[in-house]
Amino acid sequence: MISLTRLSGTTFLLNADLIERVDCTPDTVVTLVDGTKYIVAESLDEVRDAVIDYRSTIVARAALPDASSVAPVRTRPGRLSAVPPRGVTP
């Protein structure tokens, strides 16, 4: 989500993935894929930079090691262990 400011001064968050285009007429108009339009105080370049920052943050987080691939740290020895099926020798 990116933070934008309406011309009235109120701030709102917008899902950057829903932006279809941004026009400067001279006010900055953000048009979403469903046709909704928002007139914002930020310039066209500021909206573009906010979207780029948002997407680069997602890419950077995706590059972090996945917590599920790291072996859990055991704080105490387990009391149970797997038992092989009958007739199978370990």
Protein backbone atom coordinates (compact mmCIF):
# COMPACT_ATOMS: atom_id res chain seq x y z
CA MET A 1 0.00 0.00 0.00
CA ILE A 2 1.15 3.52 -0.69
CA SER A 3 0.20 6.61 1.28
CA LEU A 4 -1.42 9.44 -0.69
CA THR A 5 -3.05 12.75 0.24
CA ARG A 6 -6.40 14.00 -1.01
CA LEU A 7 -6.63 17.67 -1.97
CA SER A 8 -8.60 18.20 1.25
CA GLY A 9 -5.48 17.18 3.19
CA THR A 10 -6.63 13.77 4.43
CA THR A 11 -4.22 10.90 3.99
CA PHE A 12 -5.25 7.46 2.77
CA LEU A 13 -3.60 4.19 1.78
CA LEU A 14 -4.03 2.86 -1.72
CA ASN A 15 -3.28 -0.61 -3.00
CA ALA A 16 -0.62 0.12 -5.61
CA ASP A 17 -1.42 -3.11 -7.45
CA LEU A 18 -4.80 -1.66 -8.46
CA ILE A 19 -3.41 1.42 -10.20
CA GLU A 20 -4.06 1.44 -13.94
CA ARG A 21 -2.62 4.87 -14.71
CA VAL A 22 -1.62 8.23 -13.24
CA ASP A 23 -2.38 11.44 -15.14
CA CYS A 24 -1.32 15.02 -14.54
CA THR A 25 -4.09 17.39 -15.74
CA PRO A 26 -2.63 19.66 -13.90
CA ASP A 27 -3.88 17.89 -10.76
CA THR A 28 -2.58 14.36 -10.30
CA VAL A 29 -5.35 11.85 -11.02
CA VAL A 30 -4.85 8.20 -10.04
CA THR A 31 -7.14 5.85 -11.97
CA LEU A 32 -7.67 2.31 -10.69
CA VAL A 33 -8.39 -0.77 -12.79
CA ASP A 34 -12.09 -0.58 -11.83
CA GLY A 35 -12.36 3.02 -13.06
CA THR A 36 -12.26 4.70 -9.63
CA LYS A 37 -10.39 7.99 -9.76
CA TYR A 38 -8.56 9.80 -6.98
CA ILE A 39 -7.26 13.36 -7.23
CA VAL A 40 -4.19 13.58 -5.02
CA ALA A 41 -1.83 16.31 -3.82
CA GLU A 42 1.30 14.34 -4.74
CA SER A 43 2.94 14.94 -8.10
CA LEU A 44 3.06 12.29 -10.81
CA ASP A 45 6.73 11.65 -9.98
CA GLU A 46 5.96 11.26 -6.26
CA VAL A 47 3.25 8.69 -6.96
CA ARG A 48 5.60 6.82 -9.31
CA ASP A 49 8.37 6.84 -6.69
CA ALA A 50 5.96 5.60 -3.99
CA VAL A 51 4.92 2.68 -6.22
CA ILE A 52 8.55 1.85 -7.01
CA ASP A 53 9.46 1.93 -3.29
CA TYR A 54 6.46 -0.28 -2.47
CA ARG A 55 7.36 -2.87 -5.09
CA SER A 56 11.07 -2.86 -4.23
CA THR A 57 10.17 -3.51 -0.59
CA ILE A 58 8.15 -6.56 -1.64
CA VAL A 59 11.01 -7.87 -3.78
CA ALA A 60 13.52 -7.29 -0.96
CA ARG A 61 11.35 -9.16 1.54
CA ALA A 62 10.91 -12.03 -0.91
CA ALA A 63 14.70 -12.37 -1.10
CA LEU A 64 14.95 -12.96 2.66
CA PRO A 65 15.47 -16.56 3.77
CA ASP A 66 12.20 -18.33 4.29
CA ALA A 67 11.62 -19.09 7.97
CA SER A 68 10.16 -22.50 7.09
CA SER A 69 13.40 -23.61 5.42
CA VAL A 70 15.46 -22.99 8.54
CA ALA A 71 15.63 -25.88 11.00
CA PRO A 72 13.92 -25.02 14.30
CA VAL A 73 16.12 -24.55 17.31
CA ARG A 74 15.43 -27.15 19.99
CA THR A 75 15.68 -25.81 23.48
CA ARG A 76 15.45 -29.21 25.18
CA PRO A 77 15.87 -32.76 23.99
CA GLY A 78 12.73 -34.41 22.68
CA ARG A 79 11.28 -37.32 24.64
CA LEU A 80 9.59 -39.06 21.74
CA SER A 81 11.22 -40.50 18.67
CA ALA A 82 9.94 -42.13 15.52
CA VAL A 83 9.50 -45.88 15.72
CA PRO A 84 10.17 -47.85 12.54
CA PRO A 85 7.39 -50.15 11.32
CA ARG A 86 7.57 -53.82 12.35
CA GLY A 87 9.99 -55.88 10.37
CA VAL A 88 12.07 -52.86 9.32
CA THR A 89 15.45 -52.59 10.93
CA PRO A 90 17.06 -49.18 11.26
